[in-house]
Amino acid sequence: MIGEIVTHSRFGRGTVEGLEDSRITVRFDDGAVRVFAYPAAVERFLTFETPSAAAQAAEDLAQSQRTAAEIARAEIEARRRREEALTQMRLEAMREKRVSTAKKAAANRAAAVARNKAKAEG
């Protein structure tokens, strides 16, 4: 890609000087050097002159979009798992509360029976 001619929608024509770490550096005909996010800038602002470079940029863009979609799916799945775990924790807390309430009620009934028995014997 280095040395390829590009056209930017605002800055005009330029030459690719560098491409690394998802950044593309372009020197424009007016001498200005600008750095863009790659391949996102290809989708929005930059057009390559040669068909082979345009095809490579399109493939890089497609791969970037696939990766972003995979990350989004993974984040959705992680969120779903967190919500499921939280729901399970809430259900378990509700079960524990019901058991605790039932135990207290049973203890109160047993105490009432014991009091009634003591009164009857007493």
C-alpha atoms as a PDB file:
ATOM      1  CA  MET A   1       0.000   0.000   0.000  1.00  0.00           C
ATOM      2  CA  ILE A   2       2.902   2.351   0.602  1.00  0.00           C
ATOM      3  CA  GLY A   3       3.373   4.522  -2.466  1.00  0.00           C
ATOM      4  CA  GLU A   4      -0.239   4.100  -3.590  1.00  0.00           C
ATOM      5  CA  ILE A   5      -2.154   7.157  -4.720  1.00  0.00           C
ATOM      6  CA  VAL A   6      -5.331   8.004  -2.839  1.00  0.00           C
ATOM      7  CA  THR A   7      -7.960  10.690  -3.069  1.00  0.00           C
ATOM      8  CA  HIS A   8      -9.506  12.124   0.065  1.00  0.00           C
ATOM      9  CA  SER A   9     -12.980  13.631  -0.122  1.00  0.00           C
ATOM     10  CA  ARG A  10     -11.777  16.852   1.498  1.00  0.00           C
ATOM     11  CA  PHE A  11      -7.982  17.040   1.184  1.00  0.00           C
ATOM     12  CA  GLY A  12      -7.669  15.860  -2.410  1.00  0.00           C
ATOM     13  CA  ARG A  13      -4.972  13.646  -3.842  1.00  0.00           C
ATOM     14  CA  GLY A  14      -2.099  12.162  -1.865  1.00  0.00           C
ATOM     15  CA  THR A  15       0.385   9.321  -1.534  1.00  0.00           C
ATOM     16  CA  VAL A  16       0.376   6.659   1.167  1.00  0.00           C
ATOM     17  CA  GLU A  17       3.561   6.995   3.225  1.00  0.00           C
ATOM     18  CA  GLY A  18       2.852   4.502   5.958  1.00  0.00           C
ATOM     19  CA  LEU A  19       0.447   1.827   7.117  1.00  0.00           C
ATOM     20  CA  GLU A  20       0.813   0.345  10.594  1.00  0.00           C
ATOM     21  CA  ASP A  21      -1.169  -0.244  13.782  1.00  0.00           C
ATOM     22  CA  SER A  22      -4.501   0.427  12.066  1.00  0.00           C
ATOM     23  CA  ARG A  23      -3.294   3.835  10.884  1.00  0.00           C
ATOM     24  CA  ILE A  24      -2.591   5.050   7.377  1.00  0.00           C
ATOM     25  CA  THR A  25      -0.343   8.059   6.806  1.00  0.00           C
ATOM     26  CA  VAL A  26      -0.932  10.112   3.661  1.00  0.00           C
ATOM     27  CA  ARG A  27       1.103  13.009   2.261  1.00  0.00           C
ATOM     28  CA  PHE A  28      -1.195  15.212   0.225  1.00  0.00           C
ATOM     29  CA  ASP A  29      -0.213  17.224  -2.818  1.00  0.00           C
ATOM     30  CA  ASP A  30      -0.236  20.422  -0.732  1.00  0.00           C
ATOM     31  CA  GLY A  31       2.513  18.889   1.456  1.00  0.00           C
ATOM     32  CA  ALA A  32       0.285  18.216   4.455  1.00  0.00           C
ATOM     33  CA  VAL A  33       0.739  14.835   6.128  1.00  0.00           C
ATOM     34  CA  ARG A  34      -2.336  13.356   7.745  1.00  0.00           C
ATOM     35  CA  VAL A  35      -2.949  10.148   9.650  1.00  0.00           C
ATOM     36  CA  PHE A  36      -6.251   8.296   9.412  1.00  0.00           C
ATOM     37  CA  ALA A  37      -7.771   5.225  11.012  1.00  0.00           C
ATOM     38  CA  TYR A  38      -7.362   2.330   8.620  1.00  0.00           C
ATOM     39  CA  PRO A  39      -9.444   0.803   7.140  1.00  0.00           C
ATOM     40  CA  ALA A  40     -12.296   2.955   8.489  1.00  0.00           C
ATOM     41  CA  ALA A  41     -11.105   5.978   6.468  1.00  0.00           C
ATOM     42  CA  VAL A  42     -11.403   3.923   3.274  1.00  0.00           C
ATOM     43  CA  GLU A  43     -15.074   3.437   3.975  1.00  0.00           C
ATOM     44  CA  ARG A  44     -15.658   7.133   4.571  1.00  0.00           C
ATOM     45  CA  PHE A  45     -13.012   9.373   2.993  1.00  0.00           C
ATOM     46  CA  LEU A  46     -10.211   7.676   1.064  1.00  0.00           C
ATOM     47  CA  THR A  47     -10.336   6.150  -2.415  1.00  0.00           C
ATOM     48  CA  PHE A  48      -7.406   4.249  -3.902  1.00  0.00           C
ATOM     49  CA  GLU A  49      -6.531   4.883  -7.550  1.00  0.00           C
ATOM     50  CA  THR A  50      -5.318   1.411  -8.458  1.00  0.00           C
ATOM     51  CA  PRO A  51      -7.849  -1.413  -8.530  1.00  0.00           C
ATOM     52  CA  SER A  52      -5.512  -3.796  -6.672  1.00  0.00           C
ATOM     53  CA  ALA A  53      -5.029  -1.353  -3.779  1.00  0.00           C
ATOM     54  CA  ALA A  54      -8.757  -0.609  -3.726  1.00  0.00           C
ATOM     55  CA  ALA A  55      -9.477  -4.349  -3.594  1.00  0.00           C
ATOM     56  CA  GLN A  56      -6.983  -4.845  -0.752  1.00  0.00           C
ATOM     57  CA  ALA A  57      -8.483  -1.922   1.167  1.00  0.00           C
ATOM     58  CA  ALA A  58     -11.986  -3.333   0.616  1.00  0.00           C
ATOM     59  CA  GLU A  59     -10.853  -6.726   1.934  1.00  0.00           C
ATOM     60  CA  ASP A  60      -9.178  -5.091   4.948  1.00  0.00           C
ATOM     61  CA  LEU A  61     -12.377  -3.156   5.611  1.00  0.00           C
ATOM     62  CA  ALA A  62     -14.501  -6.302   5.333  1.00  0.00           C
ATOM     63  CA  GLN A  63     -12.187  -8.142   7.730  1.00  0.00           C
ATOM     64  CA  SER A  64     -12.327  -5.224  10.155  1.00  0.00           C
ATOM     65  CA  GLN A  65     -16.123  -5.283  10.040  1.00  0.00           C
ATOM     66  CA  ARG A  66     -16.185  -9.063  10.599  1.00  0.00           C
ATOM     67  CA  THR A  67     -13.882  -8.660  13.592  1.00  0.00           C
ATOM     68  CA  ALA A  68     -16.049  -5.866  14.997  1.00  0.00           C
ATOM     69  CA  ALA A  69     -19.141  -8.044  14.569  1.00  0.00           C
ATOM     70  CA  GLU A  70     -17.427 -10.946  16.365  1.00  0.00           C
ATOM     71  CA  ILE A  71     -16.441  -8.663  19.221  1.00  0.00           C
ATOM     72  CA  ALA A  72     -19.991  -7.316  19.445  1.00  0.00           C
ATOM     73  CA  ARG A  73     -21.394 -10.870  19.530  1.00  0.00           C
ATOM     74  CA  ALA A  74     -18.915 -11.825  22.249  1.00  0.00           C
ATOM     75  CA  GLU A  75     -19.872  -8.765  24.304  1.00  0.00           C
ATOM     76  CA  ILE A  76     -23.574  -9.572  23.924  1.00  0.00           C
ATOM     77  CA  GLU A  77     -22.936 -13.162  24.991  1.00  0.00           C
ATOM     78  CA  ALA A  78     -20.892 -12.031  28.002  1.00  0.00           C
ATOM     79  CA  ARG A  79     -23.652  -9.603  29.001  1.00  0.00           C
ATOM     80  CA  ARG A  80     -26.234 -12.389  28.628  1.00  0.00           C
ATOM     81  CA  ARG A  81     -24.139 -14.679  30.853  1.00  0.00           C
ATOM     82  CA  ARG A  82     -23.740 -11.932  33.489  1.00  0.00           C
ATOM     83  CA  GLU A  83     -27.490 -11.286  33.476  1.00  0.00           C
ATOM     84  CA  GLU A  84     -28.192 -15.009  33.719  1.00  0.00           C
ATOM     85  CA  ALA A  85     -25.809 -15.326  36.669  1.00  0.00           C
ATOM     86  CA  LEU A  86     -27.442 -12.341  38.372  1.00  0.00           C
ATOM     87  CA  THR A  87     -30.872 -13.870  37.839  1.00  0.00           C
ATOM     88  CA  GLN A  88     -29.633 -17.143  39.334  1.00  0.00           C
ATOM     89  CA  MET A  89     -28.237 -15.280  42.349  1.00  0.00           C
ATOM     90  CA  ARG A  90     -31.577 -13.495  42.852  1.00  0.00           C
ATOM     91  CA  LEU A  91     -33.505 -16.762  42.586  1.00  0.00           C
ATOM     92  CA  GLU A  92     -31.164 -18.414  45.095  1.00  0.00           C
ATOM     93  CA  ALA A  93     -31.600 -15.480  47.492  1.00  0.00           C
ATOM     94  CA  MET A  94     -35.375 -15.783  47.172  1.00  0.00           C
ATOM     95  CA  ARG A  95     -35.189 -19.553  47.847  1.00  0.00           C
ATOM     96  CA  GLU A  96     -32.994 -18.960  50.891  1.00  0.00           C
ATOM     97  CA  LYS A  97     -35.426 -16.364  52.191  1.00  0.00           C
ATOM     98  CA  ARG A  98     -38.355 -18.758  51.717  1.00  0.00           C
ATOM     99  CA  VAL A  99     -36.482 -21.527  53.541  1.00  0.00           C
ATOM    100  CA  SER A 100     -35.534 -19.143  56.334  1.00  0.00           C
ATOM    101  CA  THR A 101     -39.115 -17.928  56.634  1.00  0.00           C
ATOM    102  CA  ALA A 102     -40.404 -21.507  56.656  1.00  0.00           C
ATOM    103  CA  LYS A 103     -37.896 -22.478  59.368  1.00  0.00           C
ATOM    104  CA  LYS A 104     -38.932 -19.492  61.499  1.00  0.00           C
ATOM    105  CA  ALA A 105     -42.592 -20.352  61.039  1.00  0.00           C
ATOM    106  CA  ALA A 106     -41.922 -23.983  62.002  1.00  0.00           C
ATOM    107  CA  ALA A 107     -39.954 -22.866  65.050  1.00  0.00           C
ATOM    108  CA  ASN A 108     -42.784 -20.504  66.076  1.00  0.00           C
ATOM    109  CA  ARG A 109     -45.344 -23.304  65.682  1.00  0.00           C
ATOM    110  CA  ALA A 110     -43.180 -25.658  67.728  1.00  0.00           C
ATOM    111  CA  ALA A 111     -42.791 -23.005  70.422  1.00  0.00           C
ATOM    112  CA  ALA A 112     -46.551 -22.411  70.453  1.00  0.00           C
ATOM    113  CA  VAL A 113     -47.198 -26.151  70.743  1.00  0.00           C
ATOM    114  CA  ALA A 114     -44.681 -26.367  73.588  1.00  0.00           C
ATOM    115  CA  ARG A 115     -46.322 -23.415  75.375  1.00  0.00           C
ATOM    116  CA  ASN A 116     -49.775 -24.930  74.946  1.00  0.00           C
ATOM    117  CA  LYS A 117     -48.512 -28.281  76.206  1.00  0.00           C
ATOM    118  CA  ALA A 118     -46.875 -26.584  79.216  1.00  0.00           C
ATOM    119  CA  LYS A 119     -50.113 -24.718  80.004  1.00  0.00           C
ATOM    120  CA  ALA A 120     -52.118 -27.926  79.700  1.00  0.00           C
ATOM    121  CA  GLU A 121     -49.725 -29.769  82.037  1.00  0.00           C
ATOM    122  CA  GLY A 122     -49.362 -26.881  84.372  1.00  0.00           C
END
